[in-house]
PDB file of N, CA and C in Angstrom:
ATOM      1  N   MET A   1     -19.575 -11.237 -32.358  1.00  0.00           N
ATOM      2  CA  MET A   1     -18.068 -11.328 -31.889  1.00  0.00           C
ATOM      3  C   MET A   1     -17.306 -10.654 -31.256  1.00  0.00           C
ATOM      4  N   ARG A   2     -18.257  -9.394 -30.708  1.00  0.00           N
ATOM      5  CA  ARG A   2     -17.996  -8.579 -29.639  1.00  0.00           C
ATOM      6  C   ARG A   2     -18.249  -8.854 -28.569  1.00  0.00           C
ATOM      7  N   ALA A   3     -19.181  -9.672 -28.006  1.00  0.00           N
ATOM      8  CA  ALA A   3     -19.166 -10.531 -26.597  1.00  0.00           C
ATOM      9  C   ALA A   3     -18.162 -11.112 -26.643  1.00  0.00           C
ATOM     10  N   ALA A   4     -17.876 -12.144 -27.815  1.00  0.00           N
ATOM     11  CA  ALA A   4     -16.694 -12.907 -27.450  1.00  0.00           C
ATOM     12  C   ALA A   4     -15.518 -12.051 -26.976  1.00  0.00           C
ATOM     13  N   TYR A   5     -15.017 -11.056 -27.207  1.00  0.00           N
ATOM     14  CA  TYR A   5     -14.116 -10.139 -26.969  1.00  0.00           C
ATOM     15  C   TYR A   5     -14.014  -9.263 -25.363  1.00  0.00           C
ATOM     16  N   ILE A   6     -15.457  -9.395 -25.324  1.00  0.00           N
ATOM     17  CA  ILE A   6     -15.535  -8.454 -24.039  1.00  0.00           C
ATOM     18  C   ILE A   6     -15.375 -10.010 -22.969  1.00  0.00           C
ATOM     19  N   ALA A   7     -16.253 -10.882 -23.082  1.00  0.00           N
ATOM     20  CA  ALA A   7     -16.313 -11.821 -22.502  1.00  0.00           C
ATOM     21  C   ALA A   7     -14.387 -12.222 -21.715  1.00  0.00           C
ATOM     22  N   LEU A   8     -13.858 -12.267 -22.861  1.00  0.00           N
ATOM     23  CA  LEU A   8     -12.393 -12.356 -22.604  1.00  0.00           C
ATOM     24  C   LEU A   8     -11.663 -11.103 -21.889  1.00  0.00           C
ATOM     25  N   SER A   9     -11.804 -10.499 -22.607  1.00  0.00           N
ATOM     26  CA  SER A   9     -10.944  -9.178 -21.588  1.00  0.00           C
ATOM     27  C   SER A   9     -11.758  -9.013 -20.220  1.00  0.00           C
ATOM     28  N   LEU A  10     -12.881  -9.498 -19.744  1.00  0.00           N
ATOM     29  CA  LEU A  10     -13.421  -9.358 -17.818  1.00  0.00           C
ATOM     30  C   LEU A  10     -12.582 -10.220 -17.560  1.00  0.00           C
ATOM     31  N   PHE A  11     -12.228 -11.976 -18.430  1.00  0.00           N
ATOM     32  CA  PHE A  11     -11.864 -12.375 -18.035  1.00  0.00           C
ATOM     33  C   PHE A  11     -10.280 -12.498 -17.620  1.00  0.00           C
ATOM     34  N   ILE A  12      -9.702 -11.973 -18.709  1.00  0.00           N
ATOM     35  CA  ILE A  12      -8.215 -11.620 -18.080  1.00  0.00           C
ATOM     36  C   ILE A  12      -8.214 -10.788 -16.883  1.00  0.00           C
ATOM     37  N   VAL A  13      -9.084  -9.537 -16.844  1.00  0.00           N
ATOM     38  CA  VAL A  13      -9.254  -8.834 -15.534  1.00  0.00           C
ATOM     39  C   VAL A  13      -9.245  -9.328 -14.347  1.00  0.00           C
ATOM     40  N   SER A  14     -10.515 -10.848 -14.674  1.00  0.00           N
ATOM     41  CA  SER A  14     -10.521 -11.380 -13.255  1.00  0.00           C
ATOM     42  C   SER A  14      -9.571 -12.337 -12.802  1.00  0.00           C
ATOM     43  N   LEU A  15      -8.935 -12.836 -13.821  1.00  0.00           N
ATOM     44  CA  LEU A  15      -7.393 -13.402 -13.336  1.00  0.00           C
ATOM     45  C   LEU A  15      -6.689 -13.241 -12.788  1.00  0.00           C
ATOM     46  N   PHE A  16      -6.321 -11.580 -13.353  1.00  0.00           N
ATOM     47  CA  PHE A  16      -5.055 -10.960 -12.387  1.00  0.00           C
ATOM     48  C   PHE A  16      -6.051 -10.718 -10.437  1.00  0.00           C
ATOM     49  N   VAL A  17      -7.527 -10.111 -10.661  1.00  0.00           N
ATOM     50  CA  VAL A  17      -7.574  -9.840  -9.735  1.00  0.00           C
ATOM     51  C   VAL A  17      -7.080 -11.249  -8.792  1.00  0.00           C
ATOM     52  N   PHE A  18      -7.668 -12.216  -9.041  1.00  0.00           N
ATOM     53  CA  PHE A  18      -7.637 -13.380  -7.819  1.00  0.00           C
ATOM     54  C   PHE A  18      -6.634 -14.351  -8.057  1.00  0.00           C
ATOM     55  N   LEU A  19      -5.803 -14.001  -8.916  1.00  0.00           N
ATOM     56  CA  LEU A  19      -4.045 -14.711  -8.519  1.00  0.00           C
ATOM     57  C   LEU A  19      -3.304 -13.701  -8.263  1.00  0.00           C
ATOM     58  N   PRO A  20      -2.469 -15.045  -7.370  1.00  0.00           N
ATOM     59  CA  PRO A  20      -1.457 -14.260  -6.299  1.00  0.00           C
ATOM     60  C   PRO A  20      -0.888 -13.215  -7.209  1.00  0.00           C
ATOM     61  N   ALA A  21       0.258 -12.346  -7.138  1.00  0.00           N
ATOM     62  CA  ALA A  21       1.305 -11.789  -7.486  1.00  0.00           C
ATOM     63  C   ALA A  21       2.047 -11.967  -7.696  1.00  0.00           C
ATOM     64  N   PRO A  22       2.897 -11.960  -8.080  1.00  0.00           N
ATOM     65  CA  PRO A  22       4.415 -12.904  -8.784  1.00  0.00           C
ATOM     66  C   PRO A  22       5.397 -11.509  -7.545  1.00  0.00           C
ATOM     67  N   GLU A  23       6.457 -12.589  -7.496  1.00  0.00           N
ATOM     68  CA  GLU A  23       7.154 -11.781  -6.222  1.00  0.00           C
ATOM     69  C   GLU A  23       8.136 -10.813  -6.428  1.00  0.00           C
ATOM     70  N   GLY A  24       8.178 -10.212  -6.051  1.00  0.00           N
ATOM     71  CA  GLY A  24       8.633  -8.565  -6.433  1.00  0.00           C
ATOM     72  C   GLY A  24       8.085  -7.359  -6.957  1.00  0.00           C
ATOM     73  N   LEU A  25       6.473  -7.815  -7.020  1.00  0.00           N
ATOM     74  CA  LEU A  25       5.624  -6.961  -8.271  1.00  0.00           C
ATOM     75  C   LEU A  25       4.456  -7.103  -6.800  1.00  0.00           C
ATOM     76  N   SER A  26       3.561  -5.212  -6.375  1.00  0.00           N
ATOM     77  CA  SER A  26       2.900  -5.074  -5.650  1.00  0.00           C
ATOM     78  C   SER A  26       1.279  -6.077  -6.364  1.00  0.00           C
ATOM     79  N   ARG A  27      -0.077  -5.960  -5.185  1.00  0.00           N
ATOM     80  CA  ARG A  27      -0.744  -6.527  -6.018  1.00  0.00           C
ATOM     81  C   ARG A  27      -1.520  -5.369  -6.806  1.00  0.00           C
ATOM     82  N   GLU A  28      -1.457  -4.101  -6.308  1.00  0.00           N
ATOM     83  CA  GLU A  28      -2.158  -3.191  -7.321  1.00  0.00           C
ATOM     84  C   GLU A  28      -0.887  -3.326  -8.512  1.00  0.00           C
ATOM     85  N   GLY A  29       0.195  -3.117  -8.619  1.00  0.00           N
ATOM     86  CA  GLY A  29       0.501  -3.327  -9.900  1.00  0.00           C
ATOM     87  C   GLY A  29       0.437  -4.378 -10.735  1.00  0.00           C
ATOM     88  N   PHE A  30       0.243  -5.629 -10.273  1.00  0.00           N
ATOM     89  CA  PHE A  30      -0.231  -6.872 -11.300  1.00  0.00           C
ATOM     90  C   PHE A  30      -1.438  -5.858 -11.677  1.00  0.00           C
ATOM     91  N   VAL A  31      -2.487  -6.662 -10.566  1.00  0.00           N
ATOM     92  CA  VAL A  31      -3.986  -6.391 -11.218  1.00  0.00           C
ATOM     93  C   VAL A  31      -4.608  -5.129 -12.345  1.00  0.00           C
ATOM     94  N   MET A  32      -3.652  -3.870 -11.640  1.00  0.00           N
ATOM     95  CA  MET A  32      -3.161  -2.557 -13.387  1.00  0.00           C
ATOM     96  C   MET A  32      -3.055  -3.192 -14.746  1.00  0.00           C
ATOM     97  N   PHE A  33      -1.966  -4.035 -14.126  1.00  0.00           N
ATOM     98  CA  PHE A  33      -1.204  -4.986 -15.948  1.00  0.00           C
ATOM     99  C   PHE A  33      -2.632  -5.516 -16.219  1.00  0.00           C
ATOM    100  N   GLY A  34      -3.385  -6.023 -15.460  1.00  0.00           N
ATOM    101  CA  GLY A  34      -5.176  -6.800 -16.134  1.00  0.00           C
ATOM    102  C   GLY A  34      -5.619  -6.133 -16.634  1.00  0.00           C
ATOM    103  N   ILE A  35      -5.564  -4.860 -16.164  1.00  0.00           N
ATOM    104  CA  ILE A  35      -6.990  -3.885 -16.464  1.00  0.00           C
ATOM    105  C   ILE A  35      -5.914  -3.617 -17.857  1.00  0.00           C
ATOM    106  N   LEU A  36      -4.777  -2.887 -17.725  1.00  0.00           N
ATOM    107  CA  LEU A  36      -3.997  -2.630 -19.253  1.00  0.00           C
ATOM    108  C   LEU A  36      -4.247  -3.951 -20.150  1.00  0.00           C
ATOM    109  N   LEU A  37      -4.327  -5.220 -20.305  1.00  0.00           N
ATOM    110  CA  LEU A  37      -4.504  -6.300 -20.903  1.00  0.00           C
ATOM    111  C   LEU A  37      -6.506  -6.077 -21.870  1.00  0.00           C
ATOM    112  N   MET A  38      -6.710  -5.955 -20.831  1.00  0.00           N
ATOM    113  CA  MET A  38      -8.023  -5.904 -21.143  1.00  0.00           C
ATOM    114  C   MET A  38      -8.593  -4.792 -22.058  1.00  0.00           C
ATOM    115  N   ALA A  39      -7.759  -3.122 -21.590  1.00  0.00           N
ATOM    116  CA  ALA A  39      -7.928  -2.277 -22.329  1.00  0.00           C
ATOM    117  C   ALA A  39      -6.791  -2.593 -24.086  1.00  0.00           C
ATOM    118  N   ILE A  40      -6.520  -2.939 -23.860  1.00  0.00           N
ATOM    119  CA  ILE A  40      -5.610  -3.369 -25.014  1.00  0.00           C
ATOM    120  C   ILE A  40      -6.874  -4.003 -25.793  1.00  0.00           C
ATOM    121  N   ILE A  41      -7.233  -5.393 -25.590  1.00  0.00           N
ATOM    122  CA  ILE A  41      -7.939  -6.023 -26.117  1.00  0.00           C
ATOM    123  C   ILE A  41      -8.818  -5.290 -26.382  1.00  0.00           C
ATOM    124  N   LEU A  42      -9.813  -4.257 -25.737  1.00  0.00           N
ATOM    125  CA  LEU A  42     -10.643  -3.711 -26.023  1.00  0.00           C
ATOM    126  C   LEU A  42     -10.685  -2.458 -27.199  1.00  0.00           C
ATOM    127  N   TRP A  43      -9.649  -1.912 -27.008  1.00  0.00           N
ATOM    128  CA  TRP A  43      -9.144  -0.717 -28.078  1.00  0.00           C
ATOM    129  C   TRP A  43      -8.298  -1.512 -29.149  1.00  0.00           C
ATOM    130  N   ILE A  44      -8.212  -2.354 -28.897  1.00  0.00           N
ATOM    131  CA  ILE A  44      -7.568  -3.592 -30.610  1.00  0.00           C
ATOM    132  C   ILE A  44      -8.875  -3.539 -31.311  1.00  0.00           C
ATOM    133  N   THR A  45      -9.657  -4.598 -30.860  1.00  0.00           N
ATOM    134  CA  THR A  45     -10.992  -4.943 -31.419  1.00  0.00           C
ATOM    135  C   THR A  45     -12.380  -3.697 -31.202  1.00  0.00           C
ATOM    136  N   GLU A  46     -12.374  -3.391 -30.978  1.00  0.00           N
ATOM    137  CA  GLU A  46     -12.920  -2.065 -30.734  1.00  0.00           C
ATOM    138  C   GLU A  46     -14.641  -2.538 -30.202  1.00  0.00           C
ATOM    139  N   ALA A  47     -14.804  -3.390 -29.254  1.00  0.00           N
ATOM    140  CA  ALA A  47     -15.693  -4.591 -28.925  1.00  0.00           C
ATOM    141  C   ALA A  47     -16.876  -3.138 -27.935  1.00  0.00           C
ATOM    142  N   ILE A  48     -16.213  -2.596 -27.408  1.00  0.00           N
ATOM    143  CA  ILE A  48     -16.862  -1.070 -26.671  1.00  0.00           C
ATOM    144  C   ILE A  48     -16.432   0.112 -27.876  1.00  0.00           C
ATOM    145  N   PRO A  49     -17.186   1.149 -27.484  1.00  0.00           N
ATOM    146  CA  PRO A  49     -16.275   1.926 -28.091  1.00  0.00           C
ATOM    147  C   PRO A  49     -15.102   2.752 -27.239  1.00  0.00           C
ATOM    148  N   LEU A  50     -14.143   3.197 -28.287  1.00  0.00           N
ATOM    149  CA  LEU A  50     -12.648   3.696 -27.448  1.00  0.00           C
ATOM    150  C   LEU A  50     -13.295   4.447 -26.448  1.00  0.00           C
ATOM    151  N   ALA A  51     -13.596   5.515 -26.318  1.00  0.00           N
ATOM    152  CA  ALA A  51     -14.013   6.326 -24.599  1.00  0.00           C
ATOM    153  C   ALA A  51     -14.409   5.839 -24.498  1.00  0.00           C
ATOM    154  N   ALA A  52     -15.633   4.391 -24.689  1.00  0.00           N
ATOM    155  CA  ALA A  52     -16.013   3.834 -23.218  1.00  0.00           C
ATOM    156  C   ALA A  52     -14.761   3.012 -22.744  1.00  0.00           C
ATOM    157  N   THR A  53     -13.995   2.225 -23.221  1.00  0.00           N
ATOM    158  CA  THR A  53     -13.091   1.607 -22.505  1.00  0.00           C
ATOM    159  C   THR A  53     -12.019   2.744 -21.729  1.00  0.00           C
ATOM    160  N   GLY A  54     -12.247   4.315 -22.310  1.00  0.00           N
ATOM    161  CA  GLY A  54     -11.175   4.641 -21.406  1.00  0.00           C
ATOM    162  C   GLY A  54     -11.404   5.114 -20.105  1.00  0.00           C
ATOM    163  N   LEU A  55     -12.985   5.089 -20.128  1.00  0.00           N
ATOM    164  CA  LEU A  55     -13.608   5.360 -18.384  1.00  0.00           C
ATOM    165  C   LEU A  55     -14.486   4.335 -17.917  1.00  0.00           C
ATOM    166  N   LEU A  56     -13.570   2.853 -18.662  1.00  0.00           N
ATOM    167  CA  LEU A  56     -13.869   1.699 -17.905  1.00  0.00           C
ATOM    168  C   LEU A  56     -12.531   1.522 -17.258  1.00  0.00           C
ATOM    169  N   ILE A  57     -11.409   1.587 -17.380  1.00  0.00           N
ATOM    170  CA  ILE A  57     -10.002   1.908 -17.027  1.00  0.00           C
ATOM    171  C   ILE A  57     -10.254   3.021 -15.812  1.00  0.00           C
ATOM    172  N   MET A  58     -10.569   3.767 -15.904  1.00  0.00           N
ATOM    173  CA  MET A  58     -10.658   5.077 -14.841  1.00  0.00           C
ATOM    174  C   MET A  58     -11.240   4.155 -13.572  1.00  0.00           C
ATOM    175  N   THR A  59     -12.898   3.748 -14.238  1.00  0.00           N
ATOM    176  CA  THR A  59     -13.468   3.169 -13.089  1.00  0.00           C
ATOM    177  C   THR A  59     -13.372   2.296 -12.472  1.00  0.00           C
ATOM    178  N   LEU A  60     -12.180   1.209 -13.245  1.00  0.00           N
ATOM    179  CA  LEU A  60     -12.084  -0.166 -12.773  1.00  0.00           C
ATOM    180  C   LEU A  60     -10.954   0.275 -11.455  1.00  0.00           C
ATOM    181  N   GLN A  61      -9.634   0.982 -11.666  1.00  0.00           N
ATOM    182  CA  GLN A  61      -9.214   0.996 -10.620  1.00  0.00           C
ATOM    183  C   GLN A  61      -9.670   1.652  -9.115  1.00  0.00           C
ATOM    184  N   PRO A  62     -10.433   2.530  -8.802  1.00  0.00           N
ATOM    185  CA  PRO A  62     -10.782   2.639  -7.733  1.00  0.00           C
ATOM    186  C   PRO A  62     -11.661   0.980  -6.980  1.00  0.00           C
ATOM    187  N   LEU A  63     -12.702   0.690  -8.185  1.00  0.00           N
ATOM    188  CA  LEU A  63     -13.051  -0.562  -7.622  1.00  0.00           C
ATOM    189  C   LEU A  63     -12.504  -1.994  -7.228  1.00  0.00           C
ATOM    190  N   LEU A  64     -11.287  -1.581  -8.061  1.00  0.00           N
ATOM    191  CA  LEU A  64     -10.593  -3.184  -7.509  1.00  0.00           C
ATOM    192  C   LEU A  64      -9.338  -2.794  -6.677  1.00  0.00           C
ATOM    193  N   GLY A  65      -9.979  -1.787  -6.021  1.00  0.00           N
ATOM    194  CA  GLY A  65      -8.412  -1.150  -5.292  1.00  0.00           C
ATOM    195  C   GLY A  65      -7.072  -0.566  -5.664  1.00  0.00           C
ATOM    196  N   VAL A  66      -7.069  -1.087  -7.068  1.00  0.00           N
ATOM    197  CA  VAL A  66      -5.510  -0.567  -8.011  1.00  0.00           C
ATOM    198  C   VAL A  66      -5.092   1.032  -6.932  1.00  0.00           C
ATOM    199  N   ALA A  67      -6.379   1.779  -7.462  1.00  0.00           N
ATOM    200  CA  ALA A  67      -5.940   3.023  -6.853  1.00  0.00           C
ATOM    201  C   ALA A  67      -7.044   3.703  -6.051  1.00  0.00           C
ATOM    202  N   ASP A  68      -7.046   4.974  -5.318  1.00  0.00           N
ATOM    203  CA  ASP A  68      -8.064   6.234  -4.762  1.00  0.00           C
ATOM    204  C   ASP A  68      -8.616   6.411  -5.376  1.00  0.00           C
ATOM    205  N   ALA A  69     -10.106   6.205  -5.370  1.00  0.00           N
ATOM    206  CA  ALA A  69     -10.568   7.501  -6.267  1.00  0.00           C
ATOM    207  C   ALA A  69     -10.295   8.802  -6.531  1.00  0.00           C
ATOM    208  N   ARG A  70     -10.092   9.275  -5.477  1.00  0.00           N
ATOM    209  CA  ARG A  70      -9.793  10.657  -5.759  1.00  0.00           C
ATOM    210  C   ARG A  70      -8.431  10.847  -6.153  1.00  0.00           C
ATOM    211  N   ASP A  71      -7.145  10.291  -6.638  1.00  0.00           N
ATOM    212  CA  ASP A  71      -6.407  10.099  -6.996  1.00  0.00           C
ATOM    213  C   ASP A  71      -6.553   9.814  -8.338  1.00  0.00           C
ATOM    214  N   VAL A  72      -7.185   9.414  -8.774  1.00  0.00           N
ATOM    215  CA  VAL A  72      -7.474   8.641 -10.062  1.00  0.00           C
ATOM    216  C   VAL A  72      -8.403  10.122 -11.034  1.00  0.00           C
ATOM    217  N   PHE A  73      -9.250  10.646 -10.081  1.00  0.00           N
ATOM    218  CA  PHE A  73      -9.683  11.440 -10.922  1.00  0.00           C
ATOM    219  C   PHE A  73      -9.335  13.053 -10.538  1.00  0.00           C
ATOM    220  N   ALA A  74      -8.155  13.116  -9.864  1.00  0.00           N
ATOM    221  CA  ALA A  74      -7.321  14.334  -9.490  1.00  0.00           C
ATOM    222  C   ALA A  74      -7.076  14.876 -10.961  1.00  0.00           C
ATOM    223  N   SER A  75      -6.562  13.825 -11.660  1.00  0.00           N
ATOM    224  CA  SER A  75      -6.175  15.348 -13.152  1.00  0.00           C
ATOM    225  C   SER A  75      -7.688  15.829 -13.977  1.00  0.00           C
ATOM    226  N   PHE A  76      -8.372  15.237 -13.510  1.00  0.00           N
ATOM    227  CA  PHE A  76      -9.442  16.160 -13.796  1.00  0.00           C
ATOM    228  C   PHE A  76      -9.547  17.401 -13.432  1.00  0.00           C
ATOM    229  N   GLY A  77      -9.369  17.679 -12.104  1.00  0.00           N
ATOM    230  CA  GLY A  77      -9.806  18.339 -11.562  1.00  0.00           C
ATOM    231  C   GLY A  77      -9.024  20.166 -12.508  1.00  0.00           C
ATOM    232  N   ASN A  78      -8.485  19.871 -12.891  1.00  0.00           N
ATOM    233  CA  ASN A  78      -7.494  20.589 -13.642  1.00  0.00           C
ATOM    234  C   ASN A  78      -8.156  21.868 -14.442  1.00  0.00           C
ATOM    235  N   LYS A  79      -7.868  23.013 -14.481  1.00  0.00           N
ATOM    236  CA  LYS A  79      -8.926  24.226 -15.537  1.00  0.00           C
ATOM    237  C   LYS A  79      -8.440  23.455 -16.480  1.00  0.00           C
ATOM    238  N   ALA A  80      -7.545  23.522 -17.162  1.00  0.00           N
ATOM    239  CA  ALA A  80      -6.848  23.034 -18.679  1.00  0.00           C
ATOM    240  C   ALA A  80      -8.185  22.366 -19.306  1.00  0.00           C
ATOM    241  N   VAL A  81      -9.066  20.999 -18.307  1.00  0.00           N
ATOM    242  CA  VAL A  81      -9.870  19.863 -18.885  1.00  0.00           C
ATOM    243  C   VAL A  81     -10.555  20.464 -19.515  1.00  0.00           C
ATOM    244  N   PHE A  82     -11.319  21.320 -17.966  1.00  0.00           N
ATOM    245  CA  PHE A  82     -12.137  22.080 -18.452  1.00  0.00           C
ATOM    246  C   PHE A  82     -12.322  22.845 -19.982  1.00  0.00           C
ATOM    247  N   PHE A  83     -11.320  23.951 -19.434  1.00  0.00           N
ATOM    248  CA  PHE A  83     -11.664  25.011 -21.488  1.00  0.00           C
ATOM    249  C   PHE A  83     -11.124  23.966 -22.270  1.00  0.00           C
ATOM    250  N   ILE A  84     -10.886  22.704 -23.056  1.00  0.00           N
ATOM    251  CA  ILE A  84     -10.868  21.789 -23.689  1.00  0.00           C
ATOM    252  C   ILE A  84     -12.155  21.377 -23.846  1.00  0.00           C
ATOM    253  N   LEU A  85     -12.671  20.667 -22.790  1.00  0.00           N
ATOM    254  CA  LEU A  85     -13.916  20.563 -22.999  1.00  0.00           C
ATOM    255  C   LEU A  85     -15.018  20.890 -23.682  1.00  0.00           C
ATOM    256  N   ALA A  86     -15.070  22.401 -22.717  1.00  0.00           N
ATOM    257  CA  ALA A  86     -15.973  23.338 -23.320  1.00  0.00           C
ATOM    258  C   ALA A  86     -15.377  23.609 -24.859  1.00  0.00           C
ATOM    259  N   SER A  87     -14.044  23.954 -25.266  1.00  0.00           N
ATOM    260  CA  SER A  87     -14.097  24.637 -26.491  1.00  0.00           C
ATOM    261  C   SER A  87     -14.604  22.791 -27.455  1.00  0.00           C
ATOM    262  N   PHE A  88     -14.516  21.885 -26.887  1.00  0.00           N
ATOM    263  CA  PHE A  88     -15.129  20.610 -28.066  1.00  0.00           C
ATOM    264  C   PHE A  88     -16.367  20.853 -28.109  1.00  0.00           C
ATOM    265  N   MET A  89     -17.203  21.584 -27.403  1.00  0.00           N
ATOM    266  CA  MET A  89     -18.572  21.307 -27.034  1.00  0.00           C
ATOM    267  C   MET A  89     -18.938  22.522 -27.868  1.00  0.00           C
ATOM    268  N   LEU A  90     -18.250  23.625 -27.668  1.00  0.00           N
ATOM    269  CA  LEU A  90     -18.659  24.525 -28.786  1.00  0.00           C
ATOM    270  C   LEU A  90     -18.506  24.872 -30.173  1.00  0.00           C
ATOM    271  N   ALA A  91     -17.043  23.668 -30.400  1.00  0.00           N
ATOM    272  CA  ALA A  91     -17.324  23.255 -31.632  1.00  0.00           C
ATOM    273  C   ALA A  91     -18.491  22.182 -32.456  1.00  0.00           C
ATOM    274  N   ALA A  92     -18.838  21.516 -31.552  1.00  0.00           N
ATOM    275  CA  ALA A  92     -19.822  20.634 -31.908  1.00  0.00           C
ATOM    276  C   ALA A  92     -20.720  21.336 -32.018  1.00  0.00           C
ATOM    277  N   ALA A  93     -21.053  22.143 -31.720  1.00  0.00           N
ATOM    278  CA  ALA A  93     -22.457  22.948 -31.030  1.00  0.00           C
ATOM    279  C   ALA A  93     -22.256  23.618 -32.935  1.00  0.00           C
ATOM    280  N   ALA A  94     -21.237  24.524 -33.125  1.00  0.00           N
ATOM    281  CA  ALA A  94     -20.892  25.591 -34.243  1.00  0.00           C
ATOM    282  C   ALA A  94     -21.371  24.118 -35.656  1.00  0.00           C
ATOM    283  N   GLU A  95     -20.315  22.756 -35.206  1.00  0.00           N
ATOM    284  CA  GLU A  95     -20.854  22.636 -36.564  1.00  0.00           C
ATOM    285  C   GLU A  95     -22.375  21.525 -36.627  1.00  0.00           C
ATOM    286  N   LYS A  96     -23.070  21.551 -35.515  1.00  0.00           N
ATOM    287  CA  LYS A  96     -24.137  21.327 -35.853  1.00  0.00           C
ATOM    288  C   LYS A  96     -24.985  21.746 -36.350  1.00  0.00           C
ATOM    289  N   TYR A  97     -25.415  22.989 -36.196  1.00  0.00           N
ATOM    290  CA  TYR A  97     -26.517  24.616 -36.827  1.00  0.00           C
ATOM    291  C   TYR A  97     -25.173  25.258 -37.869  1.00  0.00           C
ATOM    292  N   GLY A  98     -23.988  24.879 -38.455  1.00  0.00           N
ATOM    293  CA  GLY A  98     -23.153  25.494 -39.837  1.00  0.00           C
ATOM    294  C   GLY A  98     -22.917  26.465 -39.149  1.00  0.00           C
ATOM    295  N   LEU A  99     -22.323  27.134 -38.110  1.00  0.00           N
ATOM    296  CA  LEU A  99     -22.081  28.275 -37.402  1.00  0.00           C
ATOM    297  C   LEU A  99     -20.469  28.315 -38.254  1.00  0.00           C
ATOM    298  N   HIS A 100     -20.059  27.354 -38.529  1.00  0.00           N
ATOM    299  CA  HIS A 100     -18.541  26.800 -39.212  1.00  0.00           C
ATOM    300  C   HIS A 100     -18.573  27.382 -40.172  1.00  0.00           C
ATOM    301  N   LYS A 101     -19.867  26.937 -41.087  1.00  0.00           N
ATOM    302  CA  LYS A 101     -19.672  27.142 -42.554  1.00  0.00           C
ATOM    303  C   LYS A 101     -19.526  28.667 -42.987  1.00  0.00           C
ATOM    304  N   ARG A 102     -20.656  29.461 -41.926  1.00  0.00           N
ATOM    305  CA  ARG A 102     -21.425  30.568 -42.306  1.00  0.00           C
ATOM    306  C   ARG A 102     -20.042  31.985 -41.431  1.00  0.00           C
ATOM    307  N   ILE A 103     -18.645  31.022 -40.847  1.00  0.00           N
ATOM    308  CA  ILE A 103     -18.281  32.474 -40.266  1.00  0.00           C
ATOM    309  C   ILE A 103     -16.962  31.891 -41.691  1.00  0.00           C
ATOM    310  N   ALA A 104     -16.574  30.375 -42.144  1.00  0.00           N
ATOM    311  CA  ALA A 104     -15.971  30.702 -42.729  1.00  0.00           C
ATOM    312  C   ALA A 104     -15.936  31.232 -44.194  1.00  0.00           C
ATOM    313  N   VAL A 105     -17.818  31.766 -44.555  1.00  0.00           N
ATOM    314  CA  VAL A 105     -17.706  32.163 -45.710  1.00  0.00           C
ATOM    315  C   VAL A 105     -17.599  33.718 -45.596  1.00  0.00           C
ATOM    316  N   LYS A 106     -17.423  33.761 -44.389  1.00  0.00           N
ATOM    317  CA  LYS A 106     -17.874  35.938 -44.293  1.00  0.00           C
ATOM    318  C   LYS A 106     -16.407  36.128 -44.018  1.00  0.00           C
ATOM    319  N   LEU A 107     -15.163  35.152 -43.655  1.00  0.00           N
ATOM    320  CA  LEU A 107     -13.946  35.343 -43.546  1.00  0.00           C
ATOM    321  C   LEU A 107     -13.026  35.254 -45.104  1.00  0.00           C
ATOM    322  N   LEU A 108     -13.893  34.509 -45.903  1.00  0.00           N
ATOM    323  CA  LEU A 108     -12.951  34.471 -47.442  1.00  0.00           C
ATOM    324  C   LEU A 108     -13.963  35.570 -48.095  1.00  0.00           C
TER     325      LEU A 108
END
């Protein structure tokens, strides 16, 4: 069933890429709407992992000509993003090796 949902989502994106945009809506906006529908289907059905769906959205935008790659990935150049990412990595390492339990026992 997962393959059917993935195929459906890719078919929807293909429709929005090859069909002409309605009057009053740019081609980029029309294709982005197709990417949004694809993401909604993949998120609801969880046909692929949620994080992979998010990365797929960011990857499809430059590939389909919706936005420039520099604009899409510009928000990841912020220092706060790297701080949060490093915090999650440290937390995962602490949990893997039981450091979080040792710290909690020492504090209590």
